[in-house]
Amino acid sequence: MGKQLPASELKRNESLTVVDNRTGKEYTVPITHNSIPANFFKGIRAAAGPNDRPEDETERGLRVADRGFLNTAVMESHITYIDGDNGVLRYRGYPIEQLAERSSFLEVSYLLIYGALPSASQLSHFTSEVLLHGPIHSDAEGFFRAFRYDAHPMSMLTSAFAYLGSYYGEANPSLQGQDLFTKAAKGDSAALQNMDRQIFRLIGKATTLAAMAYRIRQGRDFVVPPTGMSYTESFLYQLDHLSPTDHLSELKPHPVLAKALDILFILHADHEMNASSTTVLQTGSSLPDPFSAVAAGCASLYGPLHGGANEAVIRMLVSIGSPKNVPAFLEAVKKRQKVLSGFGHRVYKTSDPRSFIIRKVADEVFAVTGRDPLLDTAMALHDAALNDDYFISRKLAPNVDFWSGLIYRAMGFPMDFFPVLFVVPRVVGWVAHWRQMMLSPSGVKIWRPRQLYLGPSTRDYVPLEERTGSLQVGIGMEPSVIEHSGMTKRRKLAEAAGKIKSKL
C-alpha cells in the first residue's frame, strides 16, 4: 500500500467548488489567503425564477450580502493583526504586550506607519517632525471660540480636523490633481514627501486641537505646545498650564500619568478594520484631503457603539452604586433589563489582550491619584462576571474599555472627554491605513458597496389632487409631529389667530 504523505507535504487544491442548484452548473472559486473574491460571484447567473423580482437582477449575477461587514475583507493590509479567538493583537507582527511594556507611543506610531521599528536617528527625526508640527495658526483661536460654551468636545474636534484642511491647499487633490498622493506609489518622491508632511501635521496637531477643545470648556486661554517634552507630556502640559507666571510652568506633568497616557495611546493606536478606520478609508477612497478623511473617522468614533464605550462603563458603575448591588445588577443583565458595558468585544471571543495591560496601568495610576470610589464596585463586578457561567458561556470577558474609563476618571478627565482621548492616538492608525491605501500598487478604487433593493417596483406618478387617503401606514412612514416651544410656538399661535380673524 502507498505511504500517506504528511499533511504538510500534500499539494492542496486551493479552491472552492460551488454548485448552483438553480442551473446545475458547477463553478471553481480560487482561494487566496483563505479568502474568495466576491466579484467572482457576479459570473454565477441564472434565469429569473418565479419568486424573483426584476430588482433582484438575477441574470446579472449573484451578490454577496454581509450586513455590518461581519465577514468581508475590504483590502489587503500589512498593519495590524487580530486573532479574536485567542486574544492576540499584533502591530506589524509585534505583540501588543511587548510594545506596551518596552516601547513609546511615537515609536509605535513610526512602526504602524512605516512598517518597522525605527533606528535611533529615524525615531529622532520622526519625533522632531511630529512635535515641530504641533503649533497651530492663531486664527484657530477664533474658530474654537465660535462654539457654544457647552459644546461637546468631540463636535469641536471633528470640526477642527476638517477646518485644518482649509489651511493646506497643497494637500488637497481637488485642487492639485487627483493623483496628488497616489503617484507616490510609482516612486514620486515629492508626492511621498507631501504625504508624510500631512501625517506629521495630523499627529502633531491632534493633541493641540484636543487641548483647545478641553480648555474652551474651562474658559481658559490656549497654550502653545512646549518644547523639550514627550508627546504625552506636551499634551498634559497644554491641558493644565495656567499662565506664563504660573509657578509650575517649568515643571513637566507627573511621570506616572504621562507614562500611563503613553501606554493607553499605544493600546488605542490601531485596531485593524474598526468602524472609524473603515470610515477613513471609505472617505479616503474618493481622494479628498487627509484632514477631511480624518474628520470623517472622528465623527464615526463619536458614536456610542465605538468611542463612547468607556464612558458607558463609568455610567454603569455609578448606577450600580456599590459592590453589594452587583449581584442584583447581573441578574438584571441576564433578564436583559440592564446592559453590561465593558465586557465582550465584536472581535475578541476571549479576553481582550489590552485589558491585562491596562489593569496594571490602573494600579500605578491609582497609587498616585488615590483610589477611585468606583474601583471596589468595578472589582466586584469584574470578579462576579468572570465566575458566572452565564457570562463565561457567552465569552463576555472585560475589554480595554472596562479599565480605561476608570483611569481617565482618576486622572481628572470629564466623561465627555473620554472619546477625545481615544481619537488622539487613533489618528495614527487612521493615517497608517490611509497611507497604505495611497501607496497601493494597483491604485485606489472608490469604495462603492452594493445593496439589496427591497422597495417598490416601478410605479406611475399620481397627481396630488388624485391621491386619496393615507398612501403609507406604519412606523416611520410619514413625518413625525414635532412639539414646538418658544419663538416657533408663539409664531404658530399668532398665525392660527390670524387665520381665524380673516374668516370673521
Protein backbone atom coordinates (compact mmCIF):
# COMPACT_ATOMS: atom_id res chain seq x y z
CA MET A 1 0.00 0.00 0.00
CA GLY A 2 1.15 3.52 -0.70
CA LYS A 3 2.52 5.62 2.12
CA GLN A 4 0.30 8.56 3.05
CA LEU A 5 2.17 11.84 2.86
CA PRO A 6 2.11 14.19 5.84
CA ALA A 7 -0.46 16.96 5.53
CA SER A 8 2.37 19.49 5.21
CA GLU A 9 3.60 17.73 2.03
CA LEU A 10 0.24 17.32 0.35
CA LYS A 11 -0.44 19.67 -2.52
CA ARG A 12 -3.83 21.15 -1.79
CA ASN A 13 -6.21 22.39 -4.39
CA GLU A 14 -6.68 25.96 -3.16
CA SER A 15 -10.17 26.41 -4.47
CA LEU A 16 -13.83 26.14 -3.57
CA THR A 17 -16.36 24.22 -5.66
CA VAL A 18 -19.80 25.79 -5.84
CA VAL A 19 -22.84 24.15 -7.39
CA ASP A 20 -25.69 26.46 -8.40
CA ASN A 21 -28.76 24.33 -7.70
CA ARG A 22 -30.85 26.67 -9.84
CA THR A 23 -28.96 25.72 -13.01
CA GLY A 24 -26.93 22.67 -12.06
CA LYS A 25 -23.74 24.44 -13.12
CA GLU A 26 -20.52 23.94 -11.18
CA TYR A 27 -18.03 26.72 -10.50
CA THR A 28 -14.49 26.68 -9.13
CA VAL A 29 -13.64 29.67 -6.96
CA PRO A 30 -9.95 30.38 -6.23
CA ILE A 31 -8.90 30.67 -2.58
CA THR A 32 -6.12 33.15 -1.72
CA HIS A 33 -5.05 33.83 1.87
CA ASN A 34 -8.13 31.88 2.98
CA SER A 35 -10.43 34.25 1.13
CA ILE A 36 -12.52 34.13 -2.01
CA PRO A 37 -13.12 37.08 -4.36
CA ALA A 38 -16.67 38.39 -4.01
CA ASN A 39 -16.52 39.62 -7.60
CA PHE A 40 -16.32 36.02 -8.79
CA PHE A 41 -19.97 35.51 -7.90
CA LYS A 42 -21.06 38.10 -10.45
CA GLY A 43 -20.36 35.39 -13.03
CA ILE A 44 -22.84 32.99 -11.44
CA ARG A 45 -26.03 33.82 -13.31
CA ALA A 46 -29.45 32.23 -13.72
CA ALA A 47 -32.76 32.98 -15.35
CA ALA A 48 -35.23 34.78 -13.12
CA GLY A 49 -37.32 32.40 -11.05
CA PRO A 50 -41.00 32.68 -10.10
CA ASN A 51 -40.15 34.41 -6.80
CA ASP A 52 -37.54 36.78 -8.24
CA ARG A 53 -38.24 40.47 -8.79
CA PRO A 54 -36.64 42.49 -11.62
CA GLU A 55 -34.78 44.42 -8.90
CA ASP A 56 -33.07 41.19 -7.80
CA GLU A 57 -31.07 41.34 -11.06
CA THR A 58 -30.85 37.54 -11.15
CA GLU A 59 -29.50 37.44 -14.71
CA ARG A 60 -26.65 39.81 -13.77
CA GLY A 61 -25.00 37.51 -11.27
CA LEU A 62 -25.07 36.78 -7.55
CA ARG A 63 -24.43 39.48 -4.98
CA VAL A 64 -22.78 38.79 -1.63
CA ALA A 65 -24.82 40.06 1.33
CA ASP A 66 -22.91 40.85 4.53
CA ARG A 67 -24.83 43.18 6.83
CA GLY A 68 -22.38 45.06 9.05
CA PHE A 69 -19.32 43.60 7.25
CA LEU A 70 -19.14 40.61 9.61
CA ASN A 71 -17.06 38.55 7.19
CA THR A 72 -15.92 40.87 4.43
CA ALA A 73 -12.26 41.71 3.79
CA VAL A 74 -12.21 45.07 2.04
CA MET A 75 -8.47 45.29 1.44
CA GLU A 76 -5.08 43.66 1.91
CA SER A 77 -3.14 45.15 4.81
CA HIS A 78 0.27 44.80 6.47
CA ILE A 79 -0.50 46.84 9.58
CA THR A 80 -2.45 45.13 12.37
CA TYR A 81 -3.39 41.51 13.01
CA ILE A 82 -6.09 40.37 15.42
CA ASP A 83 -6.85 36.76 16.38
CA GLY A 84 -10.08 37.24 18.27
CA ASP A 85 -10.46 33.58 19.23
CA ASN A 86 -7.12 33.51 21.03
CA GLY A 87 -6.91 37.10 22.26
CA VAL A 88 -3.99 38.16 20.05
CA LEU A 89 -3.23 41.72 18.90
CA ARG A 90 -0.07 42.49 16.93
CA TYR A 91 1.16 45.69 15.30
CA ARG A 92 3.26 44.85 12.24
CA GLY A 93 3.95 41.45 13.80
CA TYR A 94 4.93 42.71 17.26
CA PRO A 95 2.73 41.54 20.19
CA ILE A 96 0.92 44.43 21.85
CA GLU A 97 2.20 43.23 25.24
CA GLN A 98 5.84 43.79 24.22
CA LEU A 99 5.17 47.19 22.70
CA ALA A 100 3.21 48.44 25.71
CA GLU A 101 5.96 47.32 28.09
CA ARG A 102 9.06 48.36 26.16
CA SER A 103 8.17 50.95 23.52
CA SER A 104 6.77 54.50 23.41
CA PHE A 105 3.78 55.91 21.61
CA LEU A 106 5.75 57.77 18.93
CA GLU A 107 7.97 54.75 18.32
CA VAL A 108 4.84 52.61 17.87
CA SER A 109 3.43 55.33 15.60
CA TYR A 110 6.51 55.04 13.41
CA LEU A 111 6.10 51.26 13.37
CA LEU A 112 2.46 51.40 12.32
CA ILE A 113 3.03 53.98 9.58
CA TYR A 114 6.34 52.82 8.11
CA GLY A 115 6.34 49.10 8.87
CA ALA A 116 9.40 48.61 11.08
CA LEU A 117 10.80 49.73 14.40
CA PRO A 118 12.98 52.80 13.79
CA SER A 119 16.66 53.26 14.38
CA ALA A 120 17.71 55.91 16.89
CA SER A 121 18.20 58.51 14.14
CA GLN A 122 14.94 57.62 12.41
CA LEU A 123 12.99 57.92 15.66
CA SER A 124 14.69 61.22 16.46
CA HIS A 125 13.75 62.61 13.03
CA PHE A 126 10.16 61.38 13.25
CA THR A 127 9.68 62.68 16.81
CA SER A 128 11.16 66.04 15.89
CA GLU A 129 8.84 66.43 12.88
CA VAL A 130 5.71 65.45 14.82
CA LEU A 131 6.42 67.81 17.71
CA LEU A 132 7.53 70.58 15.32
CA HIS A 133 4.09 70.44 13.68
CA GLY A 134 2.22 70.76 16.99
CA PRO A 135 1.59 74.54 16.93
CA ILE A 136 -1.45 75.76 15.04
CA HIS A 137 -2.31 79.03 13.30
CA SER A 138 -3.51 81.73 15.67
CA ASP A 139 -6.76 82.00 13.69
CA ALA A 140 -7.77 78.69 15.25
CA GLU A 141 -8.50 80.54 18.49
CA GLY A 142 -11.40 82.34 16.82
CA PHE A 143 -12.62 79.06 15.35
CA PHE A 144 -12.83 77.37 18.75
CA ARG A 145 -14.35 80.40 20.46
CA ALA A 146 -17.17 80.34 17.92
CA PHE A 147 -18.54 77.20 19.59
CA ARG A 148 -21.08 77.41 22.39
CA TYR A 149 -19.62 77.18 25.88
CA ASP A 150 -21.25 73.77 26.40
CA ALA A 151 -20.39 72.24 23.01
CA HIS A 152 -19.30 68.62 23.19
CA PRO A 153 -15.51 68.35 22.73
CA MET A 154 -15.96 65.68 20.05
CA SER A 155 -18.11 68.06 18.00
CA MET A 156 -15.34 70.63 18.24
CA LEU A 157 -12.58 68.15 17.43
CA THR A 158 -14.40 66.66 14.44
CA SER A 159 -14.96 70.14 13.03
CA ALA A 160 -11.39 71.18 13.80
CA PHE A 161 -9.83 68.39 11.74
CA ALA A 162 -11.92 69.41 8.72
CA TYR A 163 -11.05 73.04 9.42
CA LEU A 164 -7.33 72.19 9.27
CA GLY A 165 -7.72 71.14 5.66
CA SER A 166 -8.63 74.70 4.69
CA TYR A 167 -5.08 75.81 5.54
CA TYR A 168 -3.20 73.38 3.36
CA GLY A 169 -4.17 73.65 -0.28
CA GLU A 170 -1.08 71.66 -1.25
CA ALA A 171 -2.68 68.65 0.48
CA ASN A 172 -5.95 68.79 -1.46
CA PRO A 173 -6.24 66.53 -4.53
CA SER A 174 -9.31 68.51 -5.60
CA LEU A 175 -7.00 71.50 -6.08
CA GLN A 176 -3.73 69.83 -7.05
CA GLY A 177 -4.90 66.85 -9.12
CA GLN A 178 -6.39 63.52 -8.07
CA ASP A 179 -3.03 61.72 -8.29
CA LEU A 180 -1.50 64.11 -5.74
CA PHE A 181 -0.78 61.27 -3.30
CA THR A 182 -1.35 58.12 -5.35
CA LYS A 183 1.59 58.88 -7.67
CA ALA A 184 3.84 58.23 -4.67
CA ALA A 185 3.19 54.52 -5.34
CA LYS A 186 5.04 54.98 -8.64
CA GLY A 187 8.11 56.42 -6.95
CA ASP A 188 7.29 60.13 -6.99
CA SER A 189 9.41 61.40 -4.08
CA ALA A 190 7.68 64.81 -3.97
CA ALA A 191 4.29 63.12 -3.54
CA LEU A 192 5.68 60.91 -0.80
CA GLN A 193 7.20 63.89 0.99
CA ASN A 194 3.90 65.78 0.71
CA MET A 195 2.04 62.79 2.15
CA ASP A 196 4.37 62.48 5.12
CA ARG A 197 4.17 66.21 5.81
CA GLN A 198 0.40 65.90 6.25
CA ILE A 199 0.91 62.90 8.53
CA PHE A 200 3.31 64.92 10.71
CA ARG A 201 0.72 67.70 10.85
CA LEU A 202 -2.16 65.43 11.78
CA ILE A 203 -0.33 63.61 14.56
CA GLY A 204 1.37 66.74 15.85
CA LYS A 205 -1.76 68.88 15.89
CA ALA A 206 -4.08 66.18 17.26
CA THR A 207 -3.02 66.93 20.84
CA THR A 208 -3.15 70.68 20.22
CA LEU A 209 -6.71 70.55 18.88
CA ALA A 210 -7.79 68.21 21.68
CA ALA A 211 -6.31 70.52 24.30
CA MET A 212 -8.06 73.52 22.74
CA ALA A 213 -11.38 71.66 22.83
CA TYR A 214 -10.73 70.97 26.52
CA ARG A 215 -9.65 74.46 27.53
CA ILE A 216 -12.51 76.25 25.78
CA ARG A 217 -14.82 74.38 28.16
CA GLN A 218 -12.70 75.57 31.08
CA GLY A 219 -12.84 79.19 29.97
CA ARG A 220 -9.04 79.35 29.74
CA ASP A 221 -6.63 80.71 27.17
CA PHE A 222 -4.97 78.29 24.79
CA VAL A 223 -1.42 77.01 25.27
CA VAL A 224 1.29 76.80 22.64
CA PRO A 225 2.84 73.30 22.64
CA PRO A 226 6.00 73.35 24.79
CA THR A 227 9.46 72.20 23.73
CA GLY A 228 11.58 69.55 25.41
CA MET A 229 8.70 67.27 26.36
CA SER A 230 7.43 63.93 25.09
CA TYR A 231 4.21 63.65 23.12
CA THR A 232 2.00 62.82 26.11
CA GLU A 233 3.86 65.23 28.40
CA SER A 234 3.23 68.01 25.92
CA PHE A 235 -0.45 67.07 25.74
CA LEU A 236 -0.91 67.11 29.53
CA TYR A 237 1.00 70.40 29.74
CA GLN A 238 -1.30 72.01 27.18
CA LEU A 239 -4.32 70.83 29.14
CA ASP A 240 -3.19 72.08 32.55
CA HIS A 241 -0.81 75.03 32.09
CA LEU A 242 -2.31 78.17 33.64
CA SER A 243 -0.22 81.18 32.58
CA PRO A 244 3.36 82.35 31.92
CA THR A 245 3.53 83.42 35.57
CA ASP A 246 2.36 80.02 36.84
CA HIS A 247 4.95 78.86 39.39
CA LEU A 248 4.64 75.32 37.92
CA SER A 249 5.08 76.49 34.34
CA GLU A 250 8.55 74.95 34.03
CA LEU A 251 7.59 71.61 35.54
CA LYS A 252 6.70 68.58 33.46
CA PRO A 253 3.49 66.63 34.14
CA HIS A 254 3.69 63.82 36.68
CA PRO A 255 5.77 60.99 35.11
CA VAL A 256 3.35 58.23 36.17
CA LEU A 257 0.42 59.99 34.50
CA ALA A 258 2.42 60.79 31.36
CA LYS A 259 3.61 57.17 31.11
CA ALA A 260 0.12 55.81 31.73
CA LEU A 261 -1.27 58.02 28.96
CA ASP A 262 1.56 56.91 26.66
CA ILE A 263 0.65 53.25 27.22
CA LEU A 264 -3.06 53.96 26.74
CA PHE A 265 -2.20 55.71 23.49
CA ILE A 266 -0.24 52.64 22.34
CA LEU A 267 -3.17 50.36 23.13
CA HIS A 268 -5.60 52.61 21.23
CA ALA A 269 -3.36 53.46 18.27
CA ASP A 270 -4.90 50.92 15.90
CA HIS A 271 -7.31 48.03 15.86
CA GLU A 272 -7.47 46.79 12.30
CA MET A 273 -10.68 47.45 10.28
CA ASN A 274 -12.77 49.02 13.05
CA ALA A 275 -15.67 51.36 12.31
CA SER A 276 -13.68 54.60 12.30
CA SER A 277 -10.71 53.24 10.35
CA THR A 278 -13.10 51.86 7.75
CA THR A 279 -14.79 55.27 7.61
CA VAL A 280 -11.45 56.97 6.99
CA LEU A 281 -10.70 54.55 4.15
CA GLN A 282 -14.21 54.78 2.69
CA THR A 283 -13.87 58.56 2.66
CA GLY A 284 -10.25 58.42 1.52
CA SER A 285 -11.16 56.25 -1.45
CA SER A 286 -12.76 59.27 -3.14
CA LEU A 287 -9.38 61.07 -2.76
CA PRO A 288 -10.20 64.08 -0.58
CA ASP A 289 -7.50 65.72 1.54
CA PRO A 290 -6.42 63.57 4.53
CA PHE A 291 -7.79 66.11 7.02
CA SER A 292 -11.32 65.53 5.70
CA ALA A 293 -10.84 61.77 5.88
CA VAL A 294 -9.67 62.01 9.50
CA ALA A 295 -12.63 64.27 10.34
CA ALA A 296 -14.93 61.55 8.98
CA GLY A 297 -13.18 58.97 11.16
CA CYS A 298 -13.57 61.26 14.15
CA ALA A 299 -17.32 61.50 13.51
CA SER A 300 -17.55 57.72 13.32
CA LEU A 301 -15.67 57.26 16.58
CA TYR A 302 -18.02 59.77 18.26
CA GLY A 303 -20.82 57.17 18.18
CA PRO A 304 -21.61 55.39 21.46
CA LEU A 305 -21.11 51.96 19.86
CA HIS A 306 -17.48 52.86 19.15
CA GLY A 307 -15.74 55.61 21.09
CA GLY A 308 -18.24 56.02 23.89
CA ALA A 309 -17.83 52.58 25.44
CA ASN A 310 -15.55 53.58 28.33
CA GLU A 311 -17.89 56.42 29.24
CA ALA A 312 -20.73 53.88 29.34
CA VAL A 313 -18.70 51.80 31.81
CA ILE A 314 -18.43 54.71 34.25
CA ARG A 315 -22.13 55.48 33.98
CA MET A 316 -22.88 51.80 34.59
CA LEU A 317 -20.67 51.65 37.70
CA VAL A 318 -22.22 54.84 39.06
CA SER A 319 -25.69 53.39 38.54
CA ILE A 320 -24.73 50.16 40.37
CA GLY A 321 -23.66 52.26 43.34
CA SER A 322 -21.74 49.78 45.50
CA PRO A 323 -20.36 46.20 45.47
CA LYS A 324 -23.38 44.88 47.35
CA ASN A 325 -25.61 45.80 44.38
CA VAL A 326 -23.55 43.85 41.84
CA PRO A 327 -25.46 40.52 42.12
CA ALA A 328 -28.80 42.23 41.52
CA PHE A 329 -27.34 44.15 38.58
CA LEU A 330 -26.01 40.98 36.94
CA GLU A 331 -29.38 39.29 37.36
CA ALA A 332 -30.97 42.26 35.61
CA VAL A 333 -28.42 41.90 32.82
CA LYS A 334 -29.38 38.26 32.37
CA LYS A 335 -33.03 39.30 32.08
CA ARG A 336 -31.99 41.95 29.54
CA GLN A 337 -33.20 44.71 31.80
CA LYS A 338 -29.71 46.21 32.08
CA VAL A 339 -26.72 46.49 29.76
CA LEU A 340 -23.29 45.19 30.80
CA SER A 341 -20.73 47.67 29.45
CA GLY A 342 -17.00 46.96 29.19
CA PHE A 343 -17.39 43.22 28.66
CA GLY A 344 -17.15 41.31 25.42
CA HIS A 345 -16.00 42.58 22.04
CA ARG A 346 -17.10 42.39 18.42
CA VAL A 347 -13.75 40.77 17.54
CA TYR A 348 -12.43 39.08 20.67
CA LYS A 349 -14.14 35.83 21.64
CA THR A 350 -11.89 35.53 24.67
CA SER A 351 -10.21 38.19 26.83
CA ASP A 352 -9.13 41.43 25.18
CA PRO A 353 -5.29 41.28 25.42
CA ARG A 354 -5.21 45.02 26.11
CA SER A 355 -7.30 44.59 29.27
CA PHE A 356 -4.47 42.78 31.12
CA ILE A 357 -2.01 45.56 30.30
CA ILE A 358 -4.37 48.33 31.26
CA ARG A 359 -5.22 46.66 34.57
CA LYS A 360 -1.59 47.06 35.65
CA VAL A 361 -1.56 50.67 34.45
CA ALA A 362 -4.68 51.32 36.52
CA ASP A 363 -2.94 50.19 39.70
CA GLU A 364 0.02 52.50 39.01
CA VAL A 365 -2.27 55.48 38.38
CA PHE A 366 -4.41 54.82 41.45
CA ALA A 367 -1.24 54.69 43.56
CA VAL A 368 -0.62 58.32 42.57
CA THR A 369 -4.13 59.76 42.29
CA GLY A 370 -5.74 57.82 45.11
CA ARG A 371 -8.26 55.01 44.98
CA ASP A 372 -11.37 55.78 42.98
CA PRO A 373 -14.56 55.03 44.96
CA LEU A 374 -15.87 53.16 41.91
CA LEU A 375 -12.95 50.73 41.94
CA ASP A 376 -14.47 48.47 44.58
CA THR A 377 -17.66 48.21 42.55
CA ALA A 378 -15.64 47.59 39.38
CA MET A 379 -13.62 44.81 41.02
CA ALA A 380 -16.75 43.19 42.44
CA LEU A 381 -18.40 43.28 39.00
CA HIS A 382 -15.23 42.02 37.34
CA ASP A 383 -14.86 39.03 39.67
CA ALA A 384 -18.54 38.13 39.72
CA ALA A 385 -18.91 38.15 35.96
CA LEU A 386 -15.76 36.10 35.41
CA ASN A 387 -17.07 33.41 37.76
CA ASP A 388 -20.61 33.30 36.42
CA ASP A 389 -21.40 30.52 33.93
CA TYR A 390 -23.86 32.79 32.11
CA PHE A 391 -21.12 35.25 31.11
CA ILE A 392 -18.42 32.60 30.71
CA SER A 393 -20.55 30.64 28.22
CA ARG A 394 -21.10 33.82 26.22
CA LYS A 395 -17.40 34.66 26.31
CA LEU A 396 -18.04 38.02 27.95
CA ALA A 397 -14.68 38.98 29.43
CA PRO A 398 -13.51 42.51 30.37
CA ASN A 399 -12.25 44.58 27.45
CA VAL A 400 -9.97 47.61 27.27
CA ASP A 401 -12.85 50.00 27.93
CA PHE A 402 -13.62 48.49 31.33
CA TRP A 403 -10.42 49.88 32.85
CA SER A 404 -9.59 52.86 30.64
CA GLY A 405 -12.60 54.85 31.81
CA LEU A 406 -11.56 54.37 35.45
CA ILE A 407 -8.04 55.56 34.64
CA TYR A 408 -9.26 58.65 32.79
CA ARG A 409 -11.64 59.43 35.65
CA ALA A 410 -8.84 59.05 38.21
CA MET A 411 -6.69 61.42 36.14
CA GLY A 412 -9.42 64.05 36.36
CA PHE A 413 -10.85 63.98 32.84
CA PRO A 414 -14.59 64.63 32.41
CA MET A 415 -16.51 61.76 30.87
CA ASP A 416 -17.39 63.56 27.65
CA PHE A 417 -13.65 63.99 27.02
CA PHE A 418 -13.04 60.21 27.02
CA PRO A 419 -13.72 59.83 23.26
CA VAL A 420 -11.23 62.63 22.57
CA LEU A 421 -8.57 60.61 24.41
CA PHE A 422 -9.45 57.77 22.06
CA VAL A 423 -9.21 59.92 18.91
CA VAL A 424 -5.76 61.41 19.59
CA PRO A 425 -3.87 58.09 19.39
CA ARG A 426 -6.21 56.57 16.81
CA VAL A 427 -5.22 59.32 14.36
CA VAL A 428 -2.00 57.32 13.95
CA GLY A 429 -3.89 54.19 12.93
CA TRP A 430 -6.07 56.19 10.56
CA VAL A 431 -3.14 57.80 8.75
CA ALA A 432 -1.27 54.48 8.63
CA HIS A 433 -4.18 52.85 6.79
CA TRP A 434 -4.72 55.92 4.61
CA ARG A 435 -1.05 55.98 3.63
CA GLN A 436 -1.12 52.28 2.83
CA MET A 437 -4.13 52.86 0.58
CA MET A 438 -2.46 55.75 -1.25
CA LEU A 439 0.64 53.60 -1.83
CA SER A 440 -1.29 50.65 -3.24
CA PRO A 441 0.49 49.47 -6.42
CA SER A 442 -2.88 48.77 -8.07
CA GLY A 443 -4.12 52.28 -7.37
CA VAL A 444 -7.11 53.49 -5.34
CA LYS A 445 -10.62 52.40 -6.27
CA ILE A 446 -13.56 54.26 -4.82
CA TRP A 447 -15.43 52.11 -2.32
CA ARG A 448 -18.91 51.56 -3.72
CA PRO A 449 -20.77 48.69 -2.00
CA ARG A 450 -23.96 47.18 -3.38
CA GLN A 451 -27.35 46.88 -1.73
CA LEU A 452 -30.32 44.53 -1.85
CA TYR A 453 -33.20 46.70 -3.00
CA LEU A 454 -36.48 45.59 -1.40
CA GLY A 455 -38.54 48.70 -2.15
CA PRO A 456 -41.43 49.08 -4.60
CA SER A 457 -41.10 48.06 -8.23
CA THR A 458 -41.92 50.56 -10.98
CA ARG A 459 -44.79 52.92 -10.08
CA ASP A 460 -46.52 55.63 -12.11
CA TYR A 461 -46.74 59.15 -10.73
CA VAL A 462 -50.16 60.14 -9.36
CA PRO A 463 -51.04 63.89 -9.35
CA LEU A 464 -51.59 65.36 -5.89
CA GLU A 465 -55.28 66.04 -6.40
CA GLU A 466 -55.91 62.41 -7.36
CA ARG A 467 -54.30 60.88 -4.28
CA THR A 468 -56.80 59.75 -1.68
CA GLY A 469 -56.37 58.52 1.85
CA SER A 470 -53.14 57.53 3.52
CA LEU A 471 -50.72 56.11 0.98
CA GLN A 472 -48.42 54.55 3.57
CA VAL A 473 -49.17 53.17 7.02
CA GLY A 474 -46.61 52.16 9.62
CA ILE A 475 -43.94 53.45 11.96
CA GLY A 476 -41.67 55.94 10.22
CA MET A 477 -43.75 56.03 7.05
CA GLU A 478 -44.62 59.72 7.41
CA PRO A 479 -43.11 62.82 9.05
CA SER A 480 -43.43 62.94 12.82
CA VAL A 481 -45.50 65.61 14.54
CA ILE A 482 -42.95 67.78 16.35
CA GLU A 483 -43.82 69.63 19.53
CA HIS A 484 -42.71 73.26 19.33
CA SER A 485 -41.90 75.74 22.06
CA GLY A 486 -40.56 79.27 22.43
CA MET A 487 -40.50 81.54 19.42
CA THR A 488 -41.83 78.92 16.97
CA LYS A 489 -44.77 78.10 19.24
CA ARG A 490 -45.71 81.77 19.58
CA ARG A 491 -45.43 82.36 15.83
CA LYS A 492 -47.67 79.38 15.09
CA LEU A 493 -50.24 80.63 17.60
CA ALA A 494 -50.15 84.08 16.01
CA GLU A 495 -50.53 82.52 12.56
CA ALA A 496 -53.51 80.44 13.70
CA ALA A 497 -55.14 83.51 15.30
CA GLY A 498 -54.63 85.45 12.09
CA LYS A 499 -56.42 82.76 10.04
CA ILE A 500 -59.37 82.74 12.45
CA LYS A 501 -59.64 86.54 12.29
CA SER A 502 -59.60 86.54 8.50
CA LYS A 503 -62.62 84.22 8.43
CA LEU A 504 -64.69 86.51 10.66
